[in-house]
Amino acid sequence: MLGSKCNFLRMSLQSLLVLNLVLDILGSFPSVAAPPGEPDEAYDLDNYDLTSETEWDNLDIIFYEDSYDYDDLDQQIEVKEITPDTPSPDTQPTALHKEKEKEEETLPTQSPVPVTLDFKGPGLFGPDTGLGVPTCLLCVCISGSVYCDDMGLEQIPPLPRDTTYLYGRFNKIRHIKNTDFLTLKKMRGIDLTGNQISGMDEDVFRSLPQLQKLVLADNNLQVMPELPVTMTYIDLRNNRLTSTGIHSEAFKDMNQLEFLYLSDNKLDFIPTPIPLSLRRLHLQNNNIQSLHEDTFCNHHDLSFIRRNLEDIRLDGNPLKINLFPQTYICLPRLPVGSD
C-alpha cells in the first residue's frame, strides 16, 4: 500500500515538471503568447453598444472634413451667348458663282451606253464582259475551268484564252456564234445544259482542235452541229433533233467516241456508221421503227464482233427488237427495248 502511494507521488511530480517546461517554452515565443495590454483596455463584448451617445460624441468629424474640399461646389458656371459666324466677303456667293451653278444644272445628261458582251482585252480577271465586270468575276475561273451556271446569261461571255472547260448550264442562251470559241485552242469540254439554244453558226465547234466533250442536253436544237473527230462524249438528249438534222456519216471518223446520248428526240433511224470505239448508245424515246442488219454488224463478215458496245437503249420507240435478230448477232449484249 505504501509502495503504490509512492509511485503516485512520483508520477505527479513528473507531470508538474513537464507542465512547467511547456509553459517556459511558450513564454519564449511572443506570437503564441497572449497579446499585451492592461486589463482595463479589454472590451466588454456583451455590453458593447455602437449606438450609445458616448461613442458618437467621441467620433472625430474633423478628420473627415479635412479629406474633402467643399469649396469646389461653390464654383459658378458662366453662360454666354453664342453668335453665328458671319461669312467673309470672299466666301459669299457672287453672281459669277450663281451663273456657273445654273449652267451645271442645265447641262444635258448623256444616254447610258448599251450593254454588250464583246471582247475588250484579257485583263487581270479575264476579258471584259461589257457588264461592268470581267468574266472571272462574273463567273468562277478555277484552273482553266470557267463556271457560269445559272447566271441569267443570254450570250456566252468572252472567255480567257487558256479556258479548257466551260460550264454555262441553266442560262438563257439562244444562239451560239462562231466567235464565241474562235481563239480557244485548249478547249476540251463544253456543257450548256438547260438553255434555250435553237441554232448556232456553221462550224462553230470545228475550230476547237482538242474538244472531247460536248453536252447540249435540254435545249431546242433541230440540227446537230458538225464536230471535230476528237470527240469522246456527246450528249444531245431532250432536243428536237430529226434524222435529217444529223449530217451523213457524222460519227464515222470519231475513232475515240465512247458515249453517245440521243434520247428524247425525233429521230427516225439510227445514224450510221457507228465507230467501233462506242461503248454506250442511248436512243430511247424517239421514232425509230426499223433496223438494218448492218446497223451494228457486218453481214459480209460473220466473224465480226463489236466488243465495246455493251449498252444500247431502244426502249420507248415504236420498234419490236425481236423482229431483227440478225442486227444483234455481233453484239456482246442485246439492246434494251420492247419485244
Protein backbone atom coordinates (compact mmCIF):
# COMPACT_ATOMS: atom_id res chain seq x y z
CA MET A 1 0.00 0.00 0.00
CA LEU A 2 2.82 2.39 0.87
CA GLY A 3 4.60 1.46 -2.37
CA SER A 4 1.62 2.43 -4.53
CA LYS A 5 1.36 5.85 -2.88
CA CYS A 6 5.00 6.48 -3.55
CA ASN A 7 4.54 5.65 -7.21
CA PHE A 8 1.58 8.02 -7.45
CA LEU A 9 3.53 10.87 -5.93
CA ARG A 10 6.45 10.21 -8.27
CA MET A 11 4.19 10.42 -11.35
CA SER A 12 2.53 13.62 -10.11
CA LEU A 13 5.94 15.29 -9.65
CA GLN A 14 6.96 14.25 -13.18
CA SER A 15 3.75 15.72 -14.63
CA LEU A 16 4.33 19.03 -12.86
CA LEU A 17 7.87 19.21 -14.20
CA VAL A 18 6.67 18.62 -17.77
CA LEU A 19 3.97 21.29 -17.40
CA ASN A 20 6.44 23.85 -16.16
CA LEU A 21 8.78 23.06 -19.06
CA VAL A 22 5.97 23.60 -21.61
CA LEU A 23 4.98 26.92 -20.07
CA ASP A 24 8.58 28.13 -20.18
CA ILE A 25 8.80 27.25 -23.89
CA LEU A 26 5.54 29.06 -24.79
CA GLY A 27 6.63 32.10 -22.88
CA SER A 28 9.69 32.46 -25.09
CA PHE A 29 7.51 32.90 -28.31
CA PRO A 30 5.57 36.23 -28.33
CA SER A 31 3.45 35.23 -31.35
CA VAL A 32 2.00 32.35 -29.37
CA ALA A 33 1.57 34.22 -26.14
CA ALA A 34 -1.48 36.36 -25.33
CA PRO A 35 -1.50 39.94 -26.75
CA PRO A 36 -0.07 42.55 -24.43
CA GLY A 37 -2.34 45.02 -22.71
CA GLU A 38 -3.73 46.12 -19.44
CA PRO A 39 -6.84 44.50 -18.04
CA ASP A 40 -8.73 47.83 -18.17
CA GLU A 41 -8.23 48.00 -22.01
CA ALA A 42 -10.22 44.88 -22.66
CA TYR A 43 -13.60 45.31 -24.31
CA ASP A 44 -16.76 44.03 -22.76
CA LEU A 45 -18.36 42.49 -25.85
CA ASP A 46 -21.56 41.58 -24.06
CA ASN A 47 -22.28 45.18 -23.05
CA TYR A 48 -20.71 46.98 -26.06
CA ASP A 49 -23.18 49.33 -27.80
CA LEU A 50 -22.33 51.23 -31.00
CA THR A 51 -25.45 53.38 -30.71
CA SER A 52 -24.59 54.83 -27.37
CA GLU A 53 -24.29 58.60 -27.18
CA THR A 54 -20.83 58.33 -25.69
CA GLU A 55 -19.42 56.59 -28.74
CA TRP A 56 -20.94 59.08 -31.25
CA ASP A 57 -19.83 62.03 -29.17
CA ASN A 58 -16.24 60.82 -29.30
CA LEU A 59 -16.32 60.50 -33.11
CA ASP A 60 -13.64 62.72 -34.72
CA ILE A 61 -15.53 64.57 -37.50
CA ILE A 62 -12.67 66.98 -38.23
CA PHE A 63 -10.68 64.12 -39.74
CA TYR A 64 -13.34 63.56 -42.39
CA GLU A 65 -13.81 67.29 -43.02
CA ASP A 66 -10.14 67.72 -43.88
CA SER A 67 -10.21 64.92 -46.51
CA TYR A 68 -12.66 66.67 -48.88
CA ASP A 69 -12.61 70.20 -50.22
CA TYR A 70 -16.17 71.57 -50.23
CA ASP A 71 -15.08 74.81 -51.82
CA ASP A 72 -15.22 73.08 -55.25
CA LEU A 73 -19.00 73.08 -55.07
CA ASP A 74 -19.12 76.87 -54.85
CA GLN A 75 -17.78 77.38 -58.40
CA GLN A 76 -20.26 79.00 -60.76
CA ILE A 77 -20.72 78.15 -64.40
CA GLU A 78 -20.76 81.13 -66.70
CA VAL A 79 -23.29 81.05 -69.58
CA LYS A 80 -22.55 83.14 -72.62
CA GLU A 81 -24.48 83.79 -75.80
CA ILE A 82 -23.05 82.26 -78.98
CA THR A 83 -23.39 84.43 -82.04
CA PRO A 84 -23.39 82.79 -85.51
CA ASP A 85 -20.31 83.21 -87.62
CA THR A 86 -20.78 85.64 -90.46
CA PRO A 87 -19.15 84.55 -93.71
CA SER A 88 -16.38 86.67 -95.02
CA PRO A 89 -16.86 88.54 -98.29
CA ASP A 90 -14.51 86.08 -100.01
CA THR A 91 -16.75 83.11 -99.20
CA GLN A 92 -20.08 84.75 -100.05
CA PRO A 93 -21.66 83.54 -103.34
CA THR A 94 -21.19 86.01 -106.14
CA ALA A 95 -23.14 86.50 -109.29
CA LEU A 96 -20.46 84.62 -111.24
CA HIS A 97 -20.79 81.59 -108.97
CA LYS A 98 -24.55 81.62 -109.34
CA GLU A 99 -24.24 81.63 -113.12
CA LYS A 100 -21.89 78.62 -113.02
CA GLU A 101 -24.27 76.71 -110.78
CA LYS A 102 -27.10 77.46 -113.15
CA GLU A 103 -25.08 76.18 -116.11
CA GLU A 104 -24.24 72.96 -114.27
CA GLU A 105 -27.91 72.35 -113.54
CA THR A 106 -28.88 72.81 -117.21
CA LEU A 107 -26.15 70.54 -118.68
CA PRO A 108 -27.64 67.77 -120.87
CA THR A 109 -27.38 64.23 -119.48
CA GLN A 110 -25.69 61.57 -121.58
CA SER A 111 -27.67 58.49 -122.59
CA PRO A 112 -26.48 55.18 -120.99
CA VAL A 113 -24.13 53.01 -123.01
CA PRO A 114 -25.86 49.82 -124.25
CA VAL A 115 -24.65 46.60 -122.60
CA THR A 116 -22.73 44.26 -124.89
CA LEU A 117 -20.64 41.13 -124.46
CA ASP A 118 -17.77 41.99 -126.77
CA PHE A 119 -14.14 41.06 -126.16
CA LYS A 120 -12.16 44.11 -124.96
CA GLY A 121 -8.85 42.64 -123.79
CA PRO A 122 -7.65 39.97 -121.36
CA GLY A 123 -7.38 41.95 -118.13
CA LEU A 124 -6.36 40.58 -114.74
CA PHE A 125 -9.61 38.61 -114.27
CA GLY A 126 -10.19 37.63 -117.86
CA PRO A 127 -11.75 39.59 -120.73
CA ASP A 128 -14.28 42.33 -120.15
CA THR A 129 -17.89 41.14 -120.43
CA GLY A 130 -19.39 44.57 -121.06
CA LEU A 131 -21.43 44.17 -117.86
CA GLY A 132 -19.02 46.17 -115.71
CA VAL A 133 -17.01 43.17 -114.50
CA PRO A 134 -14.60 40.79 -116.27
CA THR A 135 -15.55 37.18 -116.95
CA CYS A 136 -13.70 35.72 -113.96
CA LEU A 137 -15.60 37.99 -111.56
CA LEU A 138 -18.96 37.43 -113.24
CA CYS A 139 -18.23 33.68 -113.34
CA VAL A 140 -15.83 31.46 -111.40
CA CYS A 141 -12.49 30.59 -113.01
CA ILE A 142 -10.51 27.71 -111.49
CA SER A 143 -7.51 26.07 -113.18
CA GLY A 144 -8.75 26.63 -116.72
CA SER A 145 -12.40 25.81 -115.93
CA VAL A 146 -15.00 28.60 -116.16
CA TYR A 147 -18.25 28.12 -114.21
CA CYS A 148 -21.13 30.36 -115.34
CA ASP A 149 -24.07 28.21 -114.22
CA ASP A 150 -27.44 29.86 -113.58
CA MET A 151 -26.25 33.43 -114.16
CA GLY A 152 -29.10 34.55 -116.42
CA LEU A 153 -26.72 34.89 -119.39
CA GLU A 154 -28.20 35.40 -122.85
CA GLN A 155 -24.87 35.00 -124.64
CA ILE A 156 -21.65 33.14 -123.99
CA PRO A 157 -19.30 35.62 -122.29
CA PRO A 158 -15.79 36.25 -123.66
CA LEU A 159 -13.56 33.55 -122.20
CA PRO A 160 -9.86 33.60 -121.21
CA ARG A 161 -7.57 32.12 -123.85
CA ASP A 162 -6.46 29.29 -121.55
CA THR A 163 -10.02 28.03 -120.90
CA THR A 164 -10.26 24.24 -121.06
CA TYR A 165 -13.79 23.64 -119.74
CA LEU A 166 -16.88 25.85 -119.89
CA TYR A 167 -19.94 25.19 -117.71
CA GLY A 168 -22.77 27.51 -118.73
CA ARG A 169 -25.74 25.44 -117.59
CA PHE A 170 -29.25 26.76 -116.86
CA ASN A 171 -28.97 30.15 -118.54
CA LYS A 172 -30.99 31.85 -121.29
CA ILE A 173 -28.62 31.40 -124.23
CA ARG A 174 -30.48 31.06 -127.55
CA HIS A 175 -27.73 31.14 -130.18
CA ILE A 176 -24.02 30.25 -130.36
CA LYS A 177 -21.80 32.32 -132.62
CA ASN A 178 -18.61 31.34 -134.44
CA THR A 179 -16.71 33.99 -132.50
CA ASP A 180 -17.65 32.53 -129.11
CA PHE A 181 -14.88 29.89 -129.22
CA LEU A 182 -12.71 31.22 -132.02
CA THR A 183 -9.41 31.63 -130.12
CA LEU A 184 -9.84 28.86 -127.53
CA LYS A 185 -7.38 26.27 -128.82
CA LYS A 186 -7.19 24.50 -125.42
CA MET A 187 -10.93 23.95 -125.02
CA ARG A 188 -11.70 20.30 -124.15
CA GLY A 189 -15.23 20.36 -122.75
CA ILE A 190 -18.41 22.46 -123.10
CA ASP A 191 -21.58 21.96 -121.05
CA LEU A 192 -24.56 24.18 -121.94
CA THR A 193 -27.32 22.02 -120.46
CA GLY A 194 -30.69 23.63 -119.79
CA ASN A 195 -30.50 26.69 -122.03
CA GLN A 196 -32.78 27.74 -124.89
CA ILE A 197 -30.37 27.09 -127.77
CA SER A 198 -32.22 26.63 -131.04
CA GLY A 199 -29.44 27.40 -133.51
CA MET A 200 -25.75 28.06 -133.98
CA ASP A 201 -23.41 29.26 -136.66
CA GLU A 202 -21.95 26.69 -139.03
CA ASP A 203 -18.69 25.07 -137.92
CA VAL A 204 -18.92 26.73 -134.50
CA PHE A 205 -17.08 23.78 -132.87
CA ARG A 206 -14.81 22.80 -135.77
CA SER A 207 -12.21 25.38 -134.73
CA LEU A 208 -11.57 23.56 -131.42
CA PRO A 209 -8.80 21.02 -132.13
CA GLN A 210 -8.87 19.47 -128.62
CA LEU A 211 -12.62 19.36 -127.97
CA GLN A 212 -13.64 15.99 -126.48
CA LYS A 213 -16.83 16.51 -124.51
CA LEU A 214 -19.98 18.37 -125.64
CA VAL A 215 -23.20 18.49 -123.60
CA LEU A 216 -26.17 20.33 -125.16
CA ALA A 217 -28.96 18.44 -123.38
CA ASP A 218 -32.33 20.07 -122.64
CA ASN A 219 -32.27 22.66 -125.43
CA ASN A 220 -34.25 23.27 -128.64
CA LEU A 221 -31.80 22.05 -131.30
CA GLN A 222 -33.17 20.67 -134.55
CA VAL A 223 -29.79 20.26 -136.27
CA MET A 224 -26.69 18.68 -134.78
CA PRO A 225 -23.58 20.82 -135.35
CA GLU A 226 -20.52 19.43 -137.08
CA LEU A 227 -17.99 18.28 -134.53
CA PRO A 228 -14.25 17.55 -134.60
CA VAL A 229 -13.09 13.94 -134.82
CA THR A 230 -11.53 14.21 -131.35
CA MET A 231 -14.90 13.75 -129.61
CA THR A 232 -15.24 11.14 -126.86
CA TYR A 233 -18.55 12.20 -125.25
CA ILE A 234 -21.64 13.68 -126.97
CA ASP A 235 -24.88 14.39 -125.10
CA LEU A 236 -27.79 15.83 -127.13
CA ARG A 237 -30.67 14.44 -125.07
CA ASN A 238 -34.07 16.11 -124.95
CA ASN A 239 -33.85 18.32 -128.02
CA ARG A 240 -35.81 18.38 -131.29
CA LEU A 241 -33.30 16.58 -133.47
CA THR A 242 -34.55 14.81 -136.59
CA SER A 243 -32.70 12.30 -138.70
CA THR A 244 -32.35 14.86 -141.49
CA GLY A 245 -30.76 17.24 -138.97
CA ILE A 246 -27.75 14.94 -138.49
CA HIS A 247 -25.12 15.01 -141.23
CA SER A 248 -24.50 11.81 -143.15
CA GLU A 249 -21.71 9.77 -141.58
CA ALA A 250 -21.42 12.38 -138.82
CA PHE A 251 -19.74 9.90 -136.42
CA LYS A 252 -17.76 7.82 -138.90
CA ASP A 253 -14.30 9.25 -138.23
CA MET A 254 -14.70 9.72 -134.46
CA ASN A 255 -12.43 6.83 -133.53
CA GLN A 256 -12.34 7.91 -129.85
CA LEU A 257 -16.09 8.35 -129.34
CA GLU A 258 -17.31 6.24 -126.39
CA PHE A 259 -20.58 7.81 -125.22
CA LEU A 260 -23.42 8.98 -127.49
CA TYR A 261 -26.72 10.15 -125.96
CA LEU A 262 -29.52 10.98 -128.43
CA SER A 263 -32.60 10.02 -126.40
CA ASP A 264 -35.83 12.07 -126.28
CA ASN A 265 -35.57 13.49 -129.79
CA LYS A 266 -37.41 12.89 -133.09
CA LEU A 267 -35.04 10.50 -134.88
CA ASP A 268 -36.49 8.07 -137.45
CA PHE A 269 -33.44 5.81 -137.70
CA ILE A 270 -30.08 5.17 -136.06
CA PRO A 271 -27.32 7.33 -137.56
CA THR A 272 -24.68 5.12 -139.16
CA PRO A 273 -21.90 4.13 -139.39
CA ILE A 274 -21.15 3.83 -135.68
CA PRO A 275 -17.45 3.91 -134.69
CA LEU A 276 -16.00 0.74 -133.16
CA SER A 277 -14.89 2.67 -130.06
CA LEU A 278 -18.50 3.36 -128.98
CA ARG A 279 -19.43 1.81 -125.62
CA ARG A 280 -22.83 3.36 -124.88
CA LEU A 281 -25.63 4.35 -127.28
CA HIS A 282 -28.88 5.75 -125.91
CA LEU A 283 -31.72 6.26 -128.40
CA GLN A 284 -34.82 5.76 -126.24
CA ASN A 285 -37.99 7.80 -126.75
CA ASN A 286 -37.51 8.54 -130.45
CA ASN A 287 -39.46 7.50 -133.55
CA ILE A 288 -37.23 4.62 -134.74
CA GLN A 289 -39.33 1.92 -136.42
CA SER A 290 -36.83 -0.37 -138.14
CA LEU A 291 -33.21 -1.57 -138.03
CA HIS A 292 -30.81 -2.56 -140.77
CA GLU A 293 -28.70 -5.70 -140.45
CA ASP A 294 -25.56 -3.59 -140.90
CA THR A 295 -26.54 -1.06 -138.20
CA PHE A 296 -24.22 -2.73 -135.67
CA CYS A 297 -22.75 -5.74 -137.51
CA ASN A 298 -21.18 -6.59 -140.85
CA HIS A 299 -23.26 -9.14 -142.72
CA HIS A 300 -20.31 -9.69 -145.12
CA ASP A 301 -18.10 -10.84 -142.23
CA LEU A 302 -19.85 -13.28 -139.90
CA SER A 303 -16.80 -13.42 -137.62
CA PHE A 304 -17.01 -9.72 -136.85
CA ILE A 305 -17.69 -8.93 -133.16
CA ARG A 306 -18.35 -5.48 -131.76
CA ARG A 307 -16.84 -5.97 -128.31
CA ASN A 308 -17.02 -2.43 -126.89
CA LEU A 309 -20.71 -1.67 -127.41
CA GLU A 310 -22.31 -3.06 -124.24
CA ASP A 311 -25.16 -0.62 -123.59
CA ILE A 312 -27.83 0.06 -126.26
CA ARG A 313 -31.15 1.65 -125.29
CA LEU A 314 -34.02 1.49 -127.79
CA ASP A 315 -36.98 1.44 -125.40
CA GLY A 316 -39.69 4.00 -125.97
CA ASN A 317 -39.58 3.59 -129.77
CA PRO A 318 -42.28 2.03 -131.99
CA LEU A 319 -39.92 -0.86 -132.61
CA LYS A 320 -40.01 -4.58 -131.82
CA ILE A 321 -36.41 -5.69 -131.44
CA ASN A 322 -37.25 -9.42 -131.76
CA LEU A 323 -38.02 -8.87 -135.45
CA PHE A 324 -34.41 -8.08 -136.28
CA PRO A 325 -32.24 -10.87 -134.86
CA GLN A 326 -29.50 -10.54 -137.48
CA THR A 327 -28.88 -6.98 -136.33
CA TYR A 328 -27.53 -8.07 -132.89
CA ILE A 329 -25.56 -11.18 -133.81
CA CYS A 330 -22.22 -9.43 -133.35
CA LEU A 331 -23.07 -7.70 -130.06
CA PRO A 332 -21.94 -8.91 -126.61
CA ARG A 333 -25.36 -7.92 -125.20
CA LEU A 334 -28.80 -7.45 -126.65
CA PRO A 335 -30.20 -3.89 -126.72
CA VAL A 336 -32.88 -2.83 -124.27
CA GLY A 337 -36.26 -2.37 -125.97
CA SER A 338 -39.76 -3.72 -126.35
CA ASP A 339 -40.26 -7.22 -127.77
